[in-house]
Amino acid sequence: MKFTIFQESRIGKRKTNQDRIAHCYSRDSLLMVLADGMGGHLHGEVAAHIAVQYLTHVFQREAQPVLQDPGMFLSREITQAHHAIVDYSLEKGLREAPRTTLVVCIVQDGLAYWAHAGDSRLYLLRNGRIHLQTHDHSRVQLMVDQGLLDVRSAAVHPGRNRVYSCLGGTHVPQIEFSRRTPLQSGDILALCTDGVWGPLGNEGMLRGLTKETPMIAVPGLLSEAEAISGDRCDNLSLIAMAWREGEEESLDLTHIVSTQTMAMSNGFTTRMDSFQRAHPSKKDADFSDDDIEQAIQEINAAIQKFSK
């Protein structure tokens, strides 16, 4: 496989960052996963962290160096991640169950497979256009589908952040799966939270991702979204991957990943962002270092329980 990839997550103007992102690849398979947590006092962070870390963990166990069935992997393991979050909630006796959106993509054998729950999005850009994108599981999107709102009104609707499908919570998530999609050299896959696509819109996402490499485009788009959102800026997270398979030559080989030199099995490269402290200007942090350490221990226990 040949690709360029970059990810970044920022806290915005919130006290904490409830987003979690990761990518992980073996010699012949690539996982990208992003989650936007919901819930107070570490609970949103925990739900998102369980989902992302769990999927990364089982991917590393099963991609040796490929998954036997990427579609089945997504179906089975997203459901297990949901159960791990629910089990955590029950064991802690939480009054408000932690929840998280999720979008996850696997690339293998030149094919992309993805699934999502909630309003975190995946875009597939091809030839300077949005070729495919996920459909938000939100109440506002339902109103748009029913002709009750136009896209411009939906962008400022007070209920635009209400989702009807997510991992965790009291309801089984409605997970939407893509068809297996052949990739072409030059295709761009982007996973992002609503803190990014909300202020930028599809036109802003398209413009920013197609004019630069992921290493330049991702920080630029996050900065643009922060500037537009101002003091109401949400957490922002974005993973962008440009598929380079089939390109024999490139003007800039610096950031292209070629996995052919990796071991046939047990070889992985992983990048996952962990818990972040409160925004430097926020002195009234909602949780301490001890809270974080305890949460990490509980997350690891939940993941081990459901990944056996």
C-alpha atoms as a PDB file:
ATOM      1  CA  MET A   1       0.000   0.000   0.000  1.00  0.00           C
ATOM      2  CA  LYS A   2       1.083   3.563  -0.683  1.00  0.00           C
ATOM      3  CA  PHE A   3      -0.616   6.534   0.927  1.00  0.00           C
ATOM      4  CA  THR A   4      -0.084   9.779   2.783  1.00  0.00           C
ATOM      5  CA  ILE A   5      -1.947  10.277   6.038  1.00  0.00           C
ATOM      6  CA  PHE A   6      -2.212  12.898   8.754  1.00  0.00           C
ATOM      7  CA  GLN A   7      -4.458  13.379  11.777  1.00  0.00           C
ATOM      8  CA  GLU A   8      -4.966  16.096  14.344  1.00  0.00           C
ATOM      9  CA  SER A   9      -7.379  16.855  17.167  1.00  0.00           C
ATOM     10  CA  ARG A  10      -7.832  20.194  18.939  1.00  0.00           C
ATOM     11  CA  ILE A  11      -9.741  21.183  22.045  1.00  0.00           C
ATOM     12  CA  GLY A  12     -11.266  24.335  20.539  1.00  0.00           C
ATOM     13  CA  LYS A  13     -12.891  26.533  23.184  1.00  0.00           C
ATOM     14  CA  ARG A  14     -14.169  23.634  25.313  1.00  0.00           C
ATOM     15  CA  LYS A  15     -12.806  22.718  28.734  1.00  0.00           C
ATOM     16  CA  THR A  16     -11.860  19.208  27.584  1.00  0.00           C
ATOM     17  CA  ASN A  17     -11.461  17.314  24.337  1.00  0.00           C
ATOM     18  CA  GLN A  18     -14.033  14.523  24.038  1.00  0.00           C
ATOM     19  CA  ASP A  19     -12.896  13.547  20.522  1.00  0.00           C
ATOM     20  CA  ARG A  20     -10.653  10.532  19.922  1.00  0.00           C
ATOM     21  CA  ILE A  21      -8.869   9.630  16.681  1.00  0.00           C
ATOM     22  CA  ALA A  22      -6.477   6.900  15.564  1.00  0.00           C
ATOM     23  CA  HIS A  23      -5.016   5.228  12.537  1.00  0.00           C
ATOM     24  CA  CYS A  24      -3.195   1.938  12.413  1.00  0.00           C
ATOM     25  CA  TYR A  25      -1.791  -0.089   9.564  1.00  0.00           C
ATOM     26  CA  SER A  26      -0.158  -3.429   8.910  1.00  0.00           C
ATOM     27  CA  ARG A  27       1.630  -4.379   5.714  1.00  0.00           C
ATOM     28  CA  ASP A  28      -1.622  -4.822   3.797  1.00  0.00           C
ATOM     29  CA  SER A  29      -4.459  -3.248   5.795  1.00  0.00           C
ATOM     30  CA  LEU A  30      -5.228   0.239   7.143  1.00  0.00           C
ATOM     31  CA  LEU A  31      -7.667   1.270   9.885  1.00  0.00           C
ATOM     32  CA  MET A  32      -8.850   4.845  10.492  1.00  0.00           C
ATOM     33  CA  VAL A  33     -11.266   5.565  13.335  1.00  0.00           C
ATOM     34  CA  LEU A  34     -12.754   8.711  14.871  1.00  0.00           C
ATOM     35  CA  ALA A  35     -15.208   9.242  17.735  1.00  0.00           C
ATOM     36  CA  ASP A  36     -16.924  12.296  19.256  1.00  0.00           C
ATOM     37  CA  GLY A  37     -17.879  11.619  22.886  1.00  0.00           C
ATOM     38  CA  MET A  38     -20.998  12.912  24.614  1.00  0.00           C
ATOM     39  CA  GLY A  39     -21.555  13.129  28.372  1.00  0.00           C
ATOM     40  CA  GLY A  40     -20.268  15.085  31.367  1.00  0.00           C
ATOM     41  CA  HIS A  41     -17.250  14.663  33.689  1.00  0.00           C
ATOM     42  CA  LEU A  42     -14.997  12.394  31.637  1.00  0.00           C
ATOM     43  CA  HIS A  43     -17.859  10.202  30.411  1.00  0.00           C
ATOM     44  CA  GLY A  44     -17.815  11.423  26.826  1.00  0.00           C
ATOM     45  CA  GLU A  45     -14.052  11.073  26.717  1.00  0.00           C
ATOM     46  CA  VAL A  46     -14.296   7.557  28.128  1.00  0.00           C
ATOM     47  CA  ALA A  47     -16.940   6.411  25.632  1.00  0.00           C
ATOM     48  CA  ALA A  48     -14.944   7.749  22.691  1.00  0.00           C
ATOM     49  CA  HIS A  49     -11.701   6.356  24.053  1.00  0.00           C
ATOM     50  CA  ILE A  50     -13.159   2.886  24.610  1.00  0.00           C
ATOM     51  CA  ALA A  51     -14.526   2.802  21.056  1.00  0.00           C
ATOM     52  CA  VAL A  52     -11.311   3.955  19.369  1.00  0.00           C
ATOM     53  CA  GLN A  53      -8.879   1.998  21.512  1.00  0.00           C
ATOM     54  CA  TYR A  54     -10.985  -1.174  21.332  1.00  0.00           C
ATOM     55  CA  LEU A  55     -11.184  -1.110  17.532  1.00  0.00           C
ATOM     56  CA  THR A  56      -7.453  -0.397  17.242  1.00  0.00           C
ATOM     57  CA  HIS A  57      -6.682  -3.242  19.652  1.00  0.00           C
ATOM     58  CA  VAL A  58      -8.701  -5.893  17.824  1.00  0.00           C
ATOM     59  CA  PHE A  59      -7.452  -4.661  14.435  1.00  0.00           C
ATOM     60  CA  GLN A  60      -3.881  -5.270  15.571  1.00  0.00           C
ATOM     61  CA  ARG A  61      -4.848  -8.749  16.707  1.00  0.00           C
ATOM     62  CA  GLU A  62      -6.656  -9.762  13.523  1.00  0.00           C
ATOM     63  CA  ALA A  63      -4.898  -7.967  10.650  1.00  0.00           C
ATOM     64  CA  GLN A  64      -2.107 -10.517  10.164  1.00  0.00           C
ATOM     65  CA  PRO A  65      -1.444  -8.817   7.802  1.00  0.00           C
ATOM     66  CA  VAL A  66      -5.033  -8.631   6.426  1.00  0.00           C
ATOM     67  CA  LEU A  67      -8.515  -8.999   7.883  1.00  0.00           C
ATOM     68  CA  GLN A  68     -10.329 -12.092   6.709  1.00  0.00           C
ATOM     69  CA  ASP A  69     -13.553 -10.142   6.140  1.00  0.00           C
ATOM     70  CA  PRO A  70     -13.385  -6.344   6.649  1.00  0.00           C
ATOM     71  CA  GLY A  71     -17.167  -5.907   6.462  1.00  0.00           C
ATOM     72  CA  MET A  72     -17.786  -8.554   9.095  1.00  0.00           C
ATOM     73  CA  PHE A  73     -15.006  -7.079  11.238  1.00  0.00           C
ATOM     74  CA  LEU A  74     -16.763  -3.703  11.231  1.00  0.00           C
ATOM     75  CA  SER A  75     -20.157  -5.200  12.066  1.00  0.00           C
ATOM     76  CA  ARG A  76     -18.913  -7.441  14.860  1.00  0.00           C
ATOM     77  CA  GLU A  77     -16.394  -5.167  16.515  1.00  0.00           C
ATOM     78  CA  ILE A  78     -18.409  -1.942  16.447  1.00  0.00           C
ATOM     79  CA  THR A  79     -21.173  -3.850  18.224  1.00  0.00           C
ATOM     80  CA  GLN A  80     -18.655  -5.129  20.752  1.00  0.00           C
ATOM     81  CA  ALA A  81     -17.349  -1.603  21.311  1.00  0.00           C
ATOM     82  CA  HIS A  82     -20.922  -0.495  22.036  1.00  0.00           C
ATOM     83  CA  HIS A  83     -21.342  -3.295  24.574  1.00  0.00           C
ATOM     84  CA  ALA A  84     -18.028  -2.399  26.227  1.00  0.00           C
ATOM     85  CA  ILE A  85     -19.239   1.191  26.746  1.00  0.00           C
ATOM     86  CA  VAL A  86     -22.590   0.032  28.122  1.00  0.00           C
ATOM     87  CA  ASP A  87     -20.878  -2.449  30.443  1.00  0.00           C
ATOM     88  CA  TYR A  88     -18.583   0.298  31.722  1.00  0.00           C
ATOM     89  CA  SER A  89     -21.635   2.459  32.437  1.00  0.00           C
ATOM     90  CA  LEU A  90     -23.385  -0.313  34.345  1.00  0.00           C
ATOM     91  CA  GLU A  91     -20.336  -1.228  36.413  1.00  0.00           C
ATOM     92  CA  LYS A  92     -19.830   2.415  37.372  1.00  0.00           C
ATOM     93  CA  GLY A  93     -23.522   2.908  38.156  1.00  0.00           C
ATOM     94  CA  LEU A  94     -23.656   6.048  36.053  1.00  0.00           C
ATOM     95  CA  ARG A  95     -26.925   7.986  35.977  1.00  0.00           C
ATOM     96  CA  GLU A  96     -26.130   9.299  32.517  1.00  0.00           C
ATOM     97  CA  ALA A  97     -24.790   6.669  30.153  1.00  0.00           C
ATOM     98  CA  PRO A  98     -21.700   7.806  28.203  1.00  0.00           C
ATOM     99  CA  ARG A  99     -22.165   7.931  24.427  1.00  0.00           C
ATOM    100  CA  THR A 100     -20.121   8.593  21.352  1.00  0.00           C
ATOM    101  CA  THR A 101     -20.482   8.972  17.630  1.00  0.00           C
ATOM    102  CA  LEU A 102     -18.211   6.786  15.533  1.00  0.00           C
ATOM    103  CA  VAL A 103     -16.903   6.639  11.989  1.00  0.00           C
ATOM    104  CA  VAL A 104     -14.405   3.966  11.007  1.00  0.00           C
ATOM    105  CA  CYS A 105     -12.807   3.008   7.701  1.00  0.00           C
ATOM    106  CA  ILE A 106     -10.715   0.033   6.583  1.00  0.00           C
ATOM    107  CA  VAL A 107      -8.644   0.004   3.395  1.00  0.00           C
ATOM    108  CA  GLN A 108      -7.463  -3.358   2.150  1.00  0.00           C
ATOM    109  CA  ASP A 109      -6.677  -4.828  -1.301  1.00  0.00           C
ATOM    110  CA  GLY A 110      -7.357  -1.410  -2.834  1.00  0.00           C
ATOM    111  CA  LEU A 111     -10.909  -1.407  -1.433  1.00  0.00           C
ATOM    112  CA  ALA A 112     -12.418   0.866   1.232  1.00  0.00           C
ATOM    113  CA  TYR A 113     -15.055  -0.258   3.736  1.00  0.00           C
ATOM    114  CA  TRP A 114     -16.593   2.102   6.255  1.00  0.00           C
ATOM    115  CA  ALA A 115     -19.334   2.341   8.849  1.00  0.00           C
ATOM    116  CA  HIS A 116     -20.708   5.078  11.063  1.00  0.00           C
ATOM    117  CA  ALA A 117     -23.182   5.968  13.791  1.00  0.00           C
ATOM    118  CA  GLY A 118     -24.044   9.603  14.500  1.00  0.00           C
ATOM    119  CA  ASP A 119     -22.958  12.793  12.753  1.00  0.00           C
ATOM    120  CA  SER A 120     -19.209  12.333  12.484  1.00  0.00           C
ATOM    121  CA  ARG A 121     -18.544  12.107   8.765  1.00  0.00           C
ATOM    122  CA  LEU A 122     -16.483  10.341   6.131  1.00  0.00           C
ATOM    123  CA  TYR A 123     -15.818  11.973   2.782  1.00  0.00           C
ATOM    124  CA  LEU A 124     -14.419  10.265  -0.310  1.00  0.00           C
ATOM    125  CA  LEU A 125     -13.029  12.913  -2.665  1.00  0.00           C
ATOM    126  CA  ARG A 126     -12.232  12.050  -6.271  1.00  0.00           C
ATOM    127  CA  ASN A 127     -11.191  14.217  -9.214  1.00  0.00           C
ATOM    128  CA  GLY A 128     -11.814  17.424  -7.288  1.00  0.00           C
ATOM    129  CA  ARG A 129     -15.352  16.466  -6.200  1.00  0.00           C
ATOM    130  CA  ILE A 130     -17.122  14.833  -3.271  1.00  0.00           C
ATOM    131  CA  HIS A 131     -17.629  11.364  -4.695  1.00  0.00           C
ATOM    132  CA  LEU A 132     -19.296   9.870  -1.595  1.00  0.00           C
ATOM    133  CA  GLN A 133     -20.066  10.940   1.966  1.00  0.00           C
ATOM    134  CA  THR A 134     -21.822   9.472   4.965  1.00  0.00           C
ATOM    135  CA  HIS A 135     -25.372  10.488   5.847  1.00  0.00           C
ATOM    136  CA  ASP A 136     -25.712  12.111   9.277  1.00  0.00           C
ATOM    137  CA  HIS A 137     -27.765  10.248  11.861  1.00  0.00           C
ATOM    138  CA  SER A 138     -29.218  13.453  13.277  1.00  0.00           C
ATOM    139  CA  ARG A 139     -32.683  14.891  13.802  1.00  0.00           C
ATOM    140  CA  VAL A 140     -31.831  17.924  11.676  1.00  0.00           C
ATOM    141  CA  GLN A 141     -30.756  15.677   8.781  1.00  0.00           C
ATOM    142  CA  LEU A 142     -34.094  13.859   9.058  1.00  0.00           C
ATOM    143  CA  MET A 143     -35.866  17.214   8.753  1.00  0.00           C
ATOM    144  CA  VAL A 144     -33.777  18.038   5.679  1.00  0.00           C
ATOM    145  CA  ASP A 145     -34.631  14.644   4.166  1.00  0.00           C
ATOM    146  CA  GLN A 146     -38.322  15.303   4.793  1.00  0.00           C
ATOM    147  CA  GLY A 147     -38.158  18.732   3.160  1.00  0.00           C
ATOM    148  CA  LEU A 148     -38.822  20.584   6.420  1.00  0.00           C
ATOM    149  CA  LEU A 149     -35.438  22.367   6.416  1.00  0.00           C
ATOM    150  CA  ASP A 150     -32.980  23.456   3.774  1.00  0.00           C
ATOM    151  CA  VAL A 151     -29.240  22.952   4.188  1.00  0.00           C
ATOM    152  CA  ARG A 152     -28.615  26.588   5.145  1.00  0.00           C
ATOM    153  CA  SER A 153     -31.287  26.541   7.872  1.00  0.00           C
ATOM    154  CA  ALA A 154     -30.017  23.181   9.136  1.00  0.00           C
ATOM    155  CA  ALA A 155     -26.540  24.650   9.700  1.00  0.00           C
ATOM    156  CA  VAL A 156     -27.881  27.090  12.326  1.00  0.00           C
ATOM    157  CA  HIS A 157     -30.740  25.012  13.750  1.00  0.00           C
ATOM    158  CA  PRO A 158     -30.594  24.815  17.589  1.00  0.00           C
ATOM    159  CA  GLY A 159     -31.025  21.029  17.475  1.00  0.00           C
ATOM    160  CA  ARG A 160     -28.321  20.380  14.898  1.00  0.00           C
ATOM    161  CA  ASN A 161     -26.149  18.468  17.400  1.00  0.00           C
ATOM    162  CA  ARG A 162     -28.839  15.963  18.406  1.00  0.00           C
ATOM    163  CA  VAL A 163     -28.112  12.505  17.034  1.00  0.00           C
ATOM    164  CA  TYR A 164     -30.408   9.492  17.044  1.00  0.00           C
ATOM    165  CA  SER A 165     -27.704   6.843  16.669  1.00  0.00           C
ATOM    166  CA  CYS A 166     -24.534   6.465  18.715  1.00  0.00           C
ATOM    167  CA  LEU A 167     -22.523   3.937  20.661  1.00  0.00           C
ATOM    168  CA  GLY A 168     -23.313   3.631  24.362  1.00  0.00           C
ATOM    169  CA  GLY A 169     -26.496   5.011  25.863  1.00  0.00           C
ATOM    170  CA  THR A 170     -29.727   3.079  26.288  1.00  0.00           C
ATOM    171  CA  HIS A 171     -30.454   2.200  22.653  1.00  0.00           C
ATOM    172  CA  VAL A 172     -28.750  -0.196  20.266  1.00  0.00           C
ATOM    173  CA  PRO A 173     -26.974   1.932  17.648  1.00  0.00           C
ATOM    174  CA  GLN A 174     -28.182   2.066  14.065  1.00  0.00           C
ATOM    175  CA  ILE A 175     -24.910   1.413  12.268  1.00  0.00           C
ATOM    176  CA  GLU A 176     -24.760   2.272   8.578  1.00  0.00           C
ATOM    177  CA  PHE A 177     -22.316   0.346   6.402  1.00  0.00           C
ATOM    178  CA  SER A 178     -20.878   1.273   3.038  1.00  0.00           C
ATOM    179  CA  ARG A 179     -20.471  -0.975   0.054  1.00  0.00           C
ATOM    180  CA  ARG A 180     -16.921  -2.056  -0.599  1.00  0.00           C
ATOM    181  CA  THR A 181     -15.546   0.777  -2.691  1.00  0.00           C
ATOM    182  CA  PRO A 182     -12.561   0.461  -5.069  1.00  0.00           C
ATOM    183  CA  LEU A 183     -10.068   3.298  -4.610  1.00  0.00           C
ATOM    184  CA  GLN A 184      -8.300   5.151  -7.398  1.00  0.00           C
ATOM    185  CA  SER A 185      -4.883   6.739  -7.072  1.00  0.00           C
ATOM    186  CA  GLY A 186      -5.380  10.316  -5.915  1.00  0.00           C
ATOM    187  CA  ASP A 187      -8.558   9.563  -3.939  1.00  0.00           C
ATOM    188  CA  ILE A 188      -8.793  11.241  -0.548  1.00  0.00           C
ATOM    189  CA  LEU A 189     -10.601   9.725   2.436  1.00  0.00           C
ATOM    190  CA  ALA A 190     -11.352  12.144   5.273  1.00  0.00           C
ATOM    191  CA  LEU A 191     -12.956  11.388   8.641  1.00  0.00           C
ATOM    192  CA  CYS A 192     -14.021  14.350  10.776  1.00  0.00           C
ATOM    193  CA  THR A 193     -16.221  15.452  13.663  1.00  0.00           C
ATOM    194  CA  ASP A 194     -18.974  18.052  13.371  1.00  0.00           C
ATOM    195  CA  GLY A 195     -16.633  20.600  14.916  1.00  0.00           C
ATOM    196  CA  VAL A 196     -14.853  20.590  11.551  1.00  0.00           C
ATOM    197  CA  TRP A 197     -17.515  20.040   8.892  1.00  0.00           C
ATOM    198  CA  GLY A 198     -20.095  22.197  10.700  1.00  0.00           C
ATOM    199  CA  PRO A 199     -18.401  25.592  10.255  1.00  0.00           C
ATOM    200  CA  LEU A 200     -16.676  24.708   6.966  1.00  0.00           C
ATOM    201  CA  GLY A 201     -19.510  22.993   5.103  1.00  0.00           C
ATOM    202  CA  ASN A 202     -18.926  20.619   2.207  1.00  0.00           C
ATOM    203  CA  GLU A 203     -17.456  23.336   0.007  1.00  0.00           C
ATOM    204  CA  GLY A 204     -14.875  24.277   2.618  1.00  0.00           C
ATOM    205  CA  MET A 205     -13.940  20.649   3.230  1.00  0.00           C
ATOM    206  CA  LEU A 206     -13.546  20.002  -0.488  1.00  0.00           C
ATOM    207  CA  ARG A 207     -11.506  23.128  -1.111  1.00  0.00           C
ATOM    208  CA  GLY A 208      -9.148  22.551   1.795  1.00  0.00           C
ATOM    209  CA  LEU A 209      -8.523  18.849   1.195  1.00  0.00           C
ATOM    210  CA  THR A 210      -7.934  18.936  -2.541  1.00  0.00           C
ATOM    211  CA  LYS A 211      -5.479  21.816  -2.813  1.00  0.00           C
ATOM    212  CA  GLU A 212      -2.804  20.490  -0.427  1.00  0.00           C
ATOM    213  CA  THR A 213      -1.313  17.265   0.941  1.00  0.00           C
ATOM    214  CA  PRO A 214      -2.929  15.911   4.139  1.00  0.00           C
ATOM    215  CA  MET A 215       0.029  17.190   6.188  1.00  0.00           C
ATOM    216  CA  ILE A 216      -0.771  20.755   5.180  1.00  0.00           C
ATOM    217  CA  ALA A 217      -4.530  20.454   4.606  1.00  0.00           C
ATOM    218  CA  VAL A 218      -5.481  19.040   8.017  1.00  0.00           C
ATOM    219  CA  PRO A 219      -3.939  21.781  10.210  1.00  0.00           C
ATOM    220  CA  GLY A 220      -5.153  24.415   7.764  1.00  0.00           C
ATOM    221  CA  LEU A 221      -8.752  23.202   7.878  1.00  0.00           C
ATOM    222  CA  LEU A 222      -8.749  23.004  11.682  1.00  0.00           C
ATOM    223  CA  SER A 223      -7.421  26.545  11.932  1.00  0.00           C
ATOM    224  CA  GLU A 224     -10.048  27.778   9.475  1.00  0.00           C
ATOM    225  CA  ALA A 225     -12.848  26.034  11.395  1.00  0.00           C
ATOM    226  CA  GLU A 226     -11.571  27.538  14.667  1.00  0.00           C
ATOM    227  CA  ALA A 227     -11.532  31.026  13.174  1.00  0.00           C
ATOM    228  CA  ILE A 228     -15.080  30.715  11.821  1.00  0.00           C
ATOM    229  CA  SER A 229     -16.467  29.264  15.073  1.00  0.00           C
ATOM    230  CA  GLY A 230     -14.837  31.841  17.346  1.00  0.00           C
ATOM    231  CA  ASP A 231     -15.637  31.599  21.049  1.00  0.00           C
ATOM    232  CA  ARG A 232     -18.172  28.806  20.415  1.00  0.00           C
ATOM    233  CA  CYS A 233     -15.618  26.515  18.793  1.00  0.00           C
ATOM    234  CA  ASP A 234     -16.250  22.844  19.508  1.00  0.00           C
ATOM    235  CA  ASN A 235     -13.620  20.108  19.684  1.00  0.00           C
ATOM    236  CA  LEU A 236     -12.178  19.566  16.194  1.00  0.00           C
ATOM    237  CA  SER A 237     -10.749  16.323  14.802  1.00  0.00           C
ATOM    238  CA  LEU A 238      -9.772  15.270  11.301  1.00  0.00           C
ATOM    239  CA  ILE A 239      -7.972  12.333   9.684  1.00  0.00           C
ATOM    240  CA  ALA A 240      -7.129  12.611   5.977  1.00  0.00           C
ATOM    241  CA  MET A 241      -5.569   9.901   3.801  1.00  0.00           C
ATOM    242  CA  ALA A 242      -4.531  10.318   0.161  1.00  0.00           C
ATOM    243  CA  TRP A 243      -4.310   7.005  -1.703  1.00  0.00           C
ATOM    244  CA  ARG A 244      -1.128   6.741  -3.784  1.00  0.00           C
ATOM    245  CA  GLU A 245      -1.268   3.117  -4.931  1.00  0.00           C
ATOM    246  CA  GLY A 246      -0.216   2.803  -8.563  1.00  0.00           C
ATOM    247  CA  GLU A 247       1.843   5.992  -8.572  1.00  0.00           C
ATOM    248  CA  GLU A 248       5.336   5.003  -9.631  1.00  0.00           C
ATOM    249  CA  GLU A 249       6.786   8.469  -9.238  1.00  0.00           C
ATOM    250  CA  SER A 250       5.933  11.519  -7.167  1.00  0.00           C
ATOM    251  CA  LEU A 251       7.370  15.001  -6.936  1.00  0.00           C
ATOM    252  CA  ASP A 252       7.436  14.676  -3.146  1.00  0.00           C
ATOM    253  CA  LEU A 253       8.129  11.258  -1.635  1.00  0.00           C
ATOM    254  CA  THR A 254       8.840  12.632   1.826  1.00  0.00           C
ATOM    255  CA  HIS A 255       5.539  11.763   3.483  1.00  0.00           C
ATOM    256  CA  ILE A 256       4.363   8.801   1.382  1.00  0.00           C
ATOM    257  CA  VAL A 257       3.953   5.621   3.419  1.00  0.00           C
ATOM    258  CA  SER A 258       4.905   2.448   1.573  1.00  0.00           C
ATOM    259  CA  THR A 259       4.048  -0.614   3.652  1.00  0.00           C
ATOM    260  CA  GLN A 260       5.801  -3.167   1.440  1.00  0.00           C
ATOM    261  CA  THR A 261       8.900  -3.102   3.641  1.00  0.00           C
ATOM    262  CA  MET A 262       6.893  -4.008   6.757  1.00  0.00           C
ATOM    263  CA  ALA A 263       6.836  -7.498   8.246  1.00  0.00           C
ATOM    264  CA  MET A 264       4.250  -9.907   6.889  1.00  0.00           C
ATOM    265  CA  SER A 265       2.713 -10.263  10.362  1.00  0.00           C
ATOM    266  CA  ASN A 266       2.920  -8.652  13.797  1.00  0.00           C
ATOM    267  CA  GLY A 267       4.109  -5.390  12.286  1.00  0.00           C
ATOM    268  CA  PHE A 268       1.956  -2.311  12.932  1.00  0.00           C
ATOM    269  CA  THR A 269       2.300   1.430  12.944  1.00  0.00           C
ATOM    270  CA  THR A 270      -0.250   3.141  15.197  1.00  0.00           C
ATOM    271  CA  ARG A 271      -1.076   6.738  16.087  1.00  0.00           C
ATOM    272  CA  MET A 272      -3.740   7.362  18.713  1.00  0.00           C
ATOM    273  CA  ASP A 273      -4.298  10.544  20.692  1.00  0.00           C
ATOM    274  CA  SER A 274      -4.940  10.104  24.402  1.00  0.00           C
ATOM    275  CA  PHE A 275      -6.464  12.180  27.173  1.00  0.00           C
ATOM    276  CA  GLN A 276      -5.665  15.884  27.051  1.00  0.00           C
ATOM    277  CA  ARG A 277      -5.650  18.292  29.917  1.00  0.00           C
ATOM    278  CA  ALA A 278      -8.048  21.194  29.998  1.00  0.00           C
ATOM    279  CA  HIS A 279      -7.542  24.196  27.735  1.00  0.00           C
ATOM    280  CA  PRO A 280      -4.567  26.208  29.073  1.00  0.00           C
ATOM    281  CA  SER A 281      -6.827  29.210  29.728  1.00  0.00           C
ATOM    282  CA  LYS A 282      -9.292  27.092  31.710  1.00  0.00           C
ATOM    283  CA  LYS A 283      -8.214  26.900  35.342  1.00  0.00           C
ATOM    284  CA  ASP A 284     -11.343  25.123  36.563  1.00  0.00           C
ATOM    285  CA  ALA A 285     -10.601  21.719  35.015  1.00  0.00           C
ATOM    286  CA  ASP A 286     -13.401  19.203  35.411  1.00  0.00           C
ATOM    287  CA  PHE A 287     -11.009  16.368  36.245  1.00  0.00           C
ATOM    288  CA  SER A 288      -7.620  15.816  37.812  1.00  0.00           C
ATOM    289  CA  ASP A 289      -4.624  13.719  36.841  1.00  0.00           C
ATOM    290  CA  ASP A 290      -5.867  11.051  39.277  1.00  0.00           C
ATOM    291  CA  ASP A 291      -9.244  11.032  37.518  1.00  0.00           C
ATOM    292  CA  ILE A 292      -7.490  10.499  34.195  1.00  0.00           C
ATOM    293  CA  GLU A 293      -5.299   7.668  35.495  1.00  0.00           C
ATOM    294  CA  GLN A 294      -8.306   5.911  37.005  1.00  0.00           C
ATOM    295  CA  ALA A 295     -10.281   6.319  33.778  1.00  0.00           C
ATOM    296  CA  ILE A 296      -7.428   4.839  31.731  1.00  0.00           C
ATOM    297  CA  GLN A 297      -7.237   1.812  34.024  1.00  0.00           C
ATOM    298  CA  GLU A 298     -11.000   1.281  33.765  1.00  0.00           C
ATOM    299  CA  ILE A 299     -10.901   1.674  29.974  1.00  0.00           C
ATOM    300  CA  ASN A 300      -8.161  -0.933  29.669  1.00  0.00           C
ATOM    301  CA  ALA A 301     -10.153  -3.340  31.842  1.00  0.00           C
ATOM    302  CA  ALA A 302     -13.279  -2.847  29.704  1.00  0.00           C
ATOM    303  CA  ILE A 303     -11.333  -3.430  26.489  1.00  0.00           C
ATOM    304  CA  GLN A 304      -9.675  -6.581  27.787  1.00  0.00           C
ATOM    305  CA  LYS A 305     -13.037  -7.966  28.890  1.00  0.00           C
ATOM    306  CA  PHE A 306     -14.649  -7.576  25.460  1.00  0.00           C
ATOM    307  CA  SER A 307     -11.693  -8.376  23.207  1.00  0.00           C
ATOM    308  CA  LYS A 308     -11.020 -11.921  24.375  1.00  0.00           C
END
